[in-house]
Protein backbone atom coordinates (compact mmCIF):
# COMPACT_ATOMS: atom_id res chain seq x y z
CA GLN A 1 96.32 95.31 79.37
CA VAL A 2 99.43 94.18 81.61
CA GLN A 3 100.15 90.56 83.19
CA LEU A 4 101.78 90.58 86.82
CA VAL A 5 103.70 87.62 87.97
CA GLU A 6 105.04 87.94 91.75
CA SER A 7 108.07 85.75 93.05
CA GLY A 8 110.74 85.72 95.69
CA GLY A 9 108.83 85.08 98.58
CA GLY A 10 109.71 82.86 101.72
CA LEU A 11 110.25 82.08 105.23
CA VAL A 12 113.08 84.58 106.78
CA GLN A 13 114.20 85.16 110.10
CA ALA A 14 113.61 88.25 111.88
CA GLY A 15 116.61 91.23 110.58
CA ASP A 16 116.88 89.35 107.20
CA SER A 17 116.54 90.55 103.52
CA LEU A 18 114.61 89.67 101.18
CA ARG A 19 113.96 90.80 97.46
CA LEU A 20 110.56 90.12 95.71
CA SER A 21 110.15 90.53 92.13
CA CYS A 22 107.23 91.11 89.83
CA ALA A 23 107.44 90.17 86.07
CA ALA A 24 105.08 91.90 83.56
CA ALA A 25 103.65 90.52 80.30
CA GLY A 26 101.31 92.26 77.85
CA ARG A 27 102.79 95.72 78.27
CA THR A 28 105.97 97.31 79.10
CA LEU A 29 105.98 98.36 83.18
CA SER A 30 107.65 101.42 82.39
CA SER A 31 103.86 102.55 80.76
CA TYR A 32 101.87 102.64 84.38
CA ALA A 33 103.18 103.70 87.90
CA THR A 34 103.58 100.43 89.71
CA GLY A 35 103.84 99.71 93.42
CA TRP A 36 103.42 97.04 95.90
CA PHE A 37 100.52 96.23 98.63
CA ARG A 38 100.55 93.64 101.14
CA GLN A 39 97.94 92.29 103.49
CA SER A 40 98.09 90.37 106.51
CA PRO A 41 95.33 87.88 107.93
CA GLY A 42 92.48 90.34 109.98
CA LYS A 43 94.28 93.31 108.72
CA GLU A 44 93.69 95.60 105.46
CA ARG A 45 95.75 95.87 102.76
CA GLU A 46 97.96 98.20 102.73
CA PHE A 47 100.09 100.44 100.70
CA VAL A 48 103.80 99.18 100.85
CA ALA A 49 105.57 101.25 97.84
CA ALA A 50 105.46 102.45 94.42
CA ILE A 51 107.73 104.11 91.46
CA ASN A 52 106.12 106.37 88.54
CA TRP A 53 106.44 105.54 84.91
CA SER A 54 110.11 106.94 84.33
CA GLY A 55 111.27 105.97 87.46
CA GLY A 56 112.01 109.33 89.11
CA ILE A 57 109.87 109.19 91.98
CA ARG A 58 109.60 106.38 94.65
CA ARG A 59 107.17 106.72 97.34
CA TYR A 60 106.82 104.48 100.39
CA ALA A 61 104.64 103.80 103.68
CA ASP A 62 106.03 105.08 106.38
CA SER A 63 106.34 101.44 108.29
CA VAL A 64 108.61 100.32 105.63
CA LYS A 65 110.49 103.70 104.88
CA GLY A 66 114.31 103.45 105.19
CA ARG A 67 114.18 99.36 104.94
CA PHE A 68 112.64 98.80 101.80
CA THR A 69 113.79 100.08 98.33
CA ILE A 70 111.06 99.71 94.96
CA SER A 71 113.05 99.91 91.87
CA ARG A 72 112.51 98.61 88.30
CA ASP A 73 114.69 97.28 85.09
CA ASP A 74 113.17 98.14 82.23
CA ALA A 75 115.54 95.69 80.38
CA LYS A 76 113.83 92.98 82.05
CA ASN A 77 110.01 94.52 82.21
CA THR A 78 110.42 93.29 85.76
CA MET A 79 110.01 95.57 88.98
CA TYR A 80 111.38 94.62 92.57
CA LEU A 81 111.09 94.93 96.14
CA GLN A 82 114.36 95.29 98.11
CA MET A 83 112.72 94.39 101.75
CA ASN A 84 116.31 94.67 104.48
CA SER A 85 116.02 94.38 108.45
CA LEU A 86 112.57 92.50 108.09
CA LYS A 87 110.16 92.45 110.80
CA ALA A 88 107.69 90.09 112.05
CA GLU A 89 104.82 92.70 111.33
CA ASP A 90 106.01 92.64 107.59
CA THR A 91 104.55 88.65 107.09
CA ALA A 92 101.98 89.36 104.89
CA ILE A 93 100.69 88.55 101.28
CA TYR A 94 102.60 90.64 98.97
CA TYR A 95 100.90 92.01 95.62
CA CYS A 96 102.47 94.13 93.06
CA VAL A 97 99.89 96.21 90.98
CA ALA A 98 100.00 98.64 88.13
CA ASP A 99 98.10 101.57 86.75
CA ASN A 100 98.05 104.30 85.06
CA ASN A 101 97.89 107.01 87.76
CA MET A 102 100.25 106.69 90.73
CA ALA A 103 97.63 108.57 92.73
CA THR A 104 95.34 105.39 92.57
CA ILE A 105 98.54 103.38 93.90
CA ARG A 106 99.25 105.49 96.61
CA GLY A 107 95.40 106.39 97.91
CA GLY A 108 93.91 103.71 100.15
CA SER A 109 93.82 99.97 100.10
CA GLY A 110 94.19 100.02 96.53
CA GLY A 111 90.36 99.11 95.07
CA ARG A 112 90.76 101.43 92.20
CA VAL A 113 94.19 99.81 90.69
CA ASP A 114 93.86 98.83 87.75
CA TYR A 115 96.17 95.50 87.55
CA TRP A 116 96.94 92.75 90.19
CA GLY A 117 99.44 90.04 90.52
CA GLN A 118 98.41 86.79 92.35
CA GLY A 119 100.65 87.78 95.44
CA THR A 120 103.64 85.78 96.92
CA GLN A 121 104.01 85.02 100.61
CA VAL A 122 106.39 86.66 102.71
CA THR A 123 106.73 85.44 106.38
CA VAL A 124 109.33 86.40 109.33
CA SER A 125 109.66 84.53 112.30
CA SER A 126 110.87 86.28 115.23
């Protein structure tokens, strides 16, 4: 079992950058596919990005492609989401996740994903 803790959220202006971190404990992140989801008030939870166990495959939602980058530092057992050119519509609570199956992370709103962090708030003012 793995425990996930996000950090790095905050209040920024449109066009700014922010880096979220997801520190893992209990097991190594490289044992899983990992990723990020987000949820805004009144909206369904949505997939943002995922990286497979080896780090060789990365996938992004169309809405963040070219602006966000997912990465992982296995020495620190930490995953990151670098967010550039932030927009007001990126405002949400961001959750890091882990699962044995990358397809489970990429599919739907994450209802079948095994492990979740507590979330970190990102607010982008326009």
